[in-house]
Protein backbone atom coordinates (compact mmCIF):
# COMPACT_ATOMS: atom_id res chain seq x y z
CA UNK A 1 0.00 0.00 0.00
CA UNK A 2 2.73 2.44 0.88
CA UNK A 3 4.12 2.04 -2.63
CA UNK A 4 0.89 3.24 -4.25
CA UNK A 5 0.56 5.95 -1.63
CA UNK A 6 4.12 7.14 -2.17
CA UNK A 7 4.36 6.89 -5.96
CA UNK A 8 0.71 6.95 -7.10
CA UNK A 9 -0.99 4.23 -9.08
CA UNK A 10 0.66 5.11 -12.39
CA UNK A 11 4.08 5.79 -10.87
CA UNK A 12 4.70 2.43 -9.23
CA UNK A 13 5.92 -0.74 -10.98
CA UNK A 14 5.39 -4.33 -9.81
CA UNK A 15 9.17 -4.96 -9.80
CA UNK A 16 9.65 -1.92 -7.58
CA UNK A 17 6.97 -3.12 -5.14
CA UNK A 18 8.50 -6.60 -5.02
CA UNK A 19 12.00 -5.24 -4.51
CA UNK A 20 10.98 -2.80 -1.76
CA UNK A 21 8.92 -5.55 -0.09
CA UNK A 22 11.87 -7.95 -0.06
CA UNK A 23 10.32 -10.60 -2.31
CA UNK A 24 11.02 -11.67 -5.86
CA UNK A 25 9.07 -10.29 -8.78
CA UNK A 26 8.08 -13.87 -9.68
CA UNK A 27 6.62 -14.44 -6.24
CA UNK A 28 4.73 -11.16 -6.44
CA UNK A 29 3.45 -12.05 -9.93
CA UNK A 30 2.31 -15.47 -8.73
CA UNK A 31 -0.01 -13.92 -6.15
CA UNK A 32 -0.91 -10.80 -8.11
CA UNK A 33 -0.70 -11.11 -11.89
CA UNK A 34 -0.98 -7.34 -12.34
CA UNK A 35 -0.64 -4.07 -10.52
CA UNK A 36 -4.39 -3.69 -10.90
CA UNK A 37 -5.05 -6.95 -9.02
CA UNK A 38 -2.62 -5.97 -6.26
CA UNK A 39 -4.28 -2.58 -5.91
CA UNK A 40 -7.76 -4.15 -5.79
CA UNK A 41 -6.68 -6.49 -2.99
CA UNK A 42 -5.16 -3.67 -0.97
CA UNK A 43 -8.09 -1.32 -1.53
CA UNK A 44 -10.60 -4.03 -0.51
CA UNK A 45 -8.68 -4.66 2.72
CA UNK A 46 -8.51 -0.95 3.49
CA UNK A 47 -12.26 -0.58 2.93
CA UNK A 48 -12.94 -3.48 5.31
CA UNK A 49 -10.63 -1.99 7.96
CA UNK A 50 -12.21 1.46 7.69
CA UNK A 51 -15.73 0.04 7.87
CA UNK A 52 -14.78 -1.90 11.00
CA UNK A 53 -13.10 1.14 12.53
CA UNK A 54 -16.16 3.31 11.83
CA UNK A 55 -18.56 0.77 13.31
CA UNK A 56 -16.40 0.39 16.42
CA UNK A 57 -16.02 4.15 16.87
CA UNK A 58 -19.76 4.81 16.61
CA UNK A 59 -20.46 1.90 18.95
CA UNK A 60 -17.92 3.22 21.47
CA UNK A 61 -19.45 6.71 21.32
CA UNK A 62 -23.09 5.59 21.29
CA UNK A 63 -23.82 6.82 24.82
CA UNK A 64 -22.60 10.36 24.03
CA UNK A 65 -24.81 13.19 22.74
CA UNK A 66 -25.40 13.04 18.98
CA UNK A 67 -23.59 16.29 18.28
CA UNK A 68 -20.50 15.03 20.11
CA UNK A 69 -20.56 11.69 18.28
CA UNK A 70 -20.61 13.32 14.86
CA UNK A 71 -18.05 15.99 15.66
CA UNK A 72 -15.72 13.40 17.21
CA UNK A 73 -16.02 11.26 14.09
CA UNK A 74 -15.00 14.17 11.86
CA UNK A 75 -12.07 15.07 14.14
CA UNK A 76 -10.98 11.43 14.17
CA UNK A 77 -11.06 11.29 10.38
CA UNK A 78 -8.64 14.22 10.28
CA UNK A 79 -6.27 12.45 12.64
CA UNK A 80 -6.52 9.20 10.72
CA UNK A 81 -5.96 10.88 7.37
CA UNK A 82 -2.68 12.31 8.65
CA UNK A 83 -1.49 9.49 10.91
CA UNK A 84 -2.83 6.24 9.46
CA UNK A 85 -1.61 5.23 6.03
CA UNK A 86 -4.75 3.12 5.43
CA UNK A 87 -7.03 6.08 5.92
CA UNK A 88 -4.82 8.36 3.82
CA UNK A 89 -4.68 5.73 1.08
CA UNK A 90 -8.46 5.36 1.14
CA UNK A 91 -9.15 9.07 0.89
CA UNK A 92 -6.52 9.85 -1.74
CA UNK A 93 -7.45 7.03 -4.11
CA UNK A 94 -11.18 7.40 -3.55
CA UNK A 95 -11.09 11.02 -4.69
CA UNK A 96 -8.45 10.77 -7.44
CA UNK A 97 -8.85 7.39 -9.08
CA UNK A 98 -7.11 6.28 -12.28
CA UNK A 99 -9.61 5.37 -15.02
CA UNK A 100 -8.37 1.77 -15.14
CA UNK A 101 -9.73 1.08 -11.64
CA UNK A 102 -12.41 3.76 -11.32
CA UNK A 103 -15.48 1.50 -11.32
CA UNK A 104 -13.88 -0.88 -8.81
CA UNK A 105 -12.92 1.94 -6.45
CA UNK A 106 -16.30 3.66 -6.79
CA UNK A 107 -18.26 0.51 -5.99
CA UNK A 108 -16.10 -0.29 -2.98
CA UNK A 109 -16.10 3.27 -1.68
CA UNK A 110 -19.89 3.17 -1.84
CA UNK A 111 -19.77 0.15 0.50
CA UNK A 112 -17.85 2.31 2.96
CA UNK A 113 -20.29 5.21 2.57
CA UNK A 114 -23.30 2.89 3.01
CA UNK A 115 -21.81 1.55 6.22
CA UNK A 116 -21.09 5.08 7.40
CA UNK A 117 -24.63 6.16 6.53
CA UNK A 118 -26.05 3.27 8.57
CA UNK A 119 -24.10 4.45 11.62
CA UNK A 120 -25.06 8.09 11.11
CA UNK A 121 -28.77 7.31 10.68
CA UNK A 122 -28.68 5.55 14.07
CA UNK A 123 -27.33 8.77 15.60
CA UNK A 124 -30.03 10.91 14.02
CA UNK A 125 -32.80 8.52 15.00
CA UNK A 126 -32.19 9.53 18.63
CA UNK A 127 -32.92 13.19 17.86
CA UNK A 128 -35.94 15.32 17.11
CA UNK A 129 -34.83 17.32 14.08
CA UNK A 130 -36.10 19.53 11.27
CA UNK A 131 -35.42 16.73 8.79
CA UNK A 132 -35.65 12.94 8.64
CA UNK A 133 -32.69 10.82 9.81
CA UNK A 134 -32.04 9.89 6.16
CA UNK A 135 -31.99 13.52 5.06
CA UNK A 136 -29.69 14.50 7.92
CA UNK A 137 -27.45 11.55 7.15
CA UNK A 138 -27.16 12.50 3.49
CA UNK A 139 -26.31 16.07 4.42
CA UNK A 140 -23.71 14.89 6.94
CA UNK A 141 -22.05 12.61 4.37
CA UNK A 142 -21.81 15.50 1.93
CA UNK A 143 -20.24 17.58 4.70
CA UNK A 144 -17.84 14.69 5.42
CA UNK A 145 -16.86 14.36 1.74
CA UNK A 146 -16.27 18.09 1.44
CA UNK A 147 -14.12 18.14 4.56
CA UNK A 148 -12.06 15.18 3.32
CA UNK A 149 -11.38 16.95 0.02
CA UNK A 150 -10.52 20.11 1.97
CA UNK A 151 -8.13 18.09 4.12
CA UNK A 152 -6.40 16.59 1.07
CA UNK A 153 -5.68 20.00 -0.46
CA UNK A 154 -5.21 22.30 2.54
CA UNK A 155 -3.41 22.55 5.85
CA UNK A 156 -4.48 21.00 9.15
CA UNK A 157 -5.24 24.48 10.51
CA UNK A 158 -7.41 25.32 7.53
CA UNK A 159 -9.23 22.02 8.03
CA UNK A 160 -9.85 22.81 11.71
CA UNK A 161 -11.43 26.14 10.82
CA UNK A 162 -13.50 24.61 8.00
CA UNK A 163 -14.65 21.82 10.32
CA UNK A 164 -15.70 24.18 13.08
CA UNK A 165 -17.59 26.56 10.80
CA UNK A 166 -19.28 23.99 8.57
CA UNK A 167 -20.24 21.70 11.44
CA UNK A 168 -21.73 24.60 13.43
CA UNK A 169 -23.82 25.66 10.43
CA UNK A 170 -24.83 22.05 9.71
CA UNK A 171 -25.84 21.31 13.29
CA UNK A 172 -27.76 24.56 13.75
CA UNK A 173 -29.66 24.05 10.51
CA UNK A 174 -31.00 20.61 11.45
CA UNK A 175 -32.09 21.55 14.98
CA UNK A 176 -35.74 22.30 15.70
């Protein structure tokens, strides 16, 4: 994964991955006949890990107020995007996908978003809001996507400000 992350999908070669991983190119080719197959395996594993992390985080926070749960999730995503290569890999390749693997990445990223939406709907079902839990969830996911893109192209400080402002506006708009 770090090879794709470091060099990009187009910039990395199977021989380079094998060499840097300490295995022969033949051994790498036996398990993964192409860079595309290797990428698909890695991306699938990352999606599974992020889904599990998200479910565990929301479960751990379930006794907290809804506003705190959602804000904590967004803050945690910032930390993970900077400190966890899996999360960084997921966000970078989900938002800038080479055409060769675009449909694969899109379908798998939707699995992640569906899982996230399920967790978010549970949070909103505990609240009396101006909108339905599904509507609030959709709006929150759009906020999440926008913040992730902002994080990829801006500084941590800029992200903090964008998070605070956009979350405050989001939360105030859904309250009765």
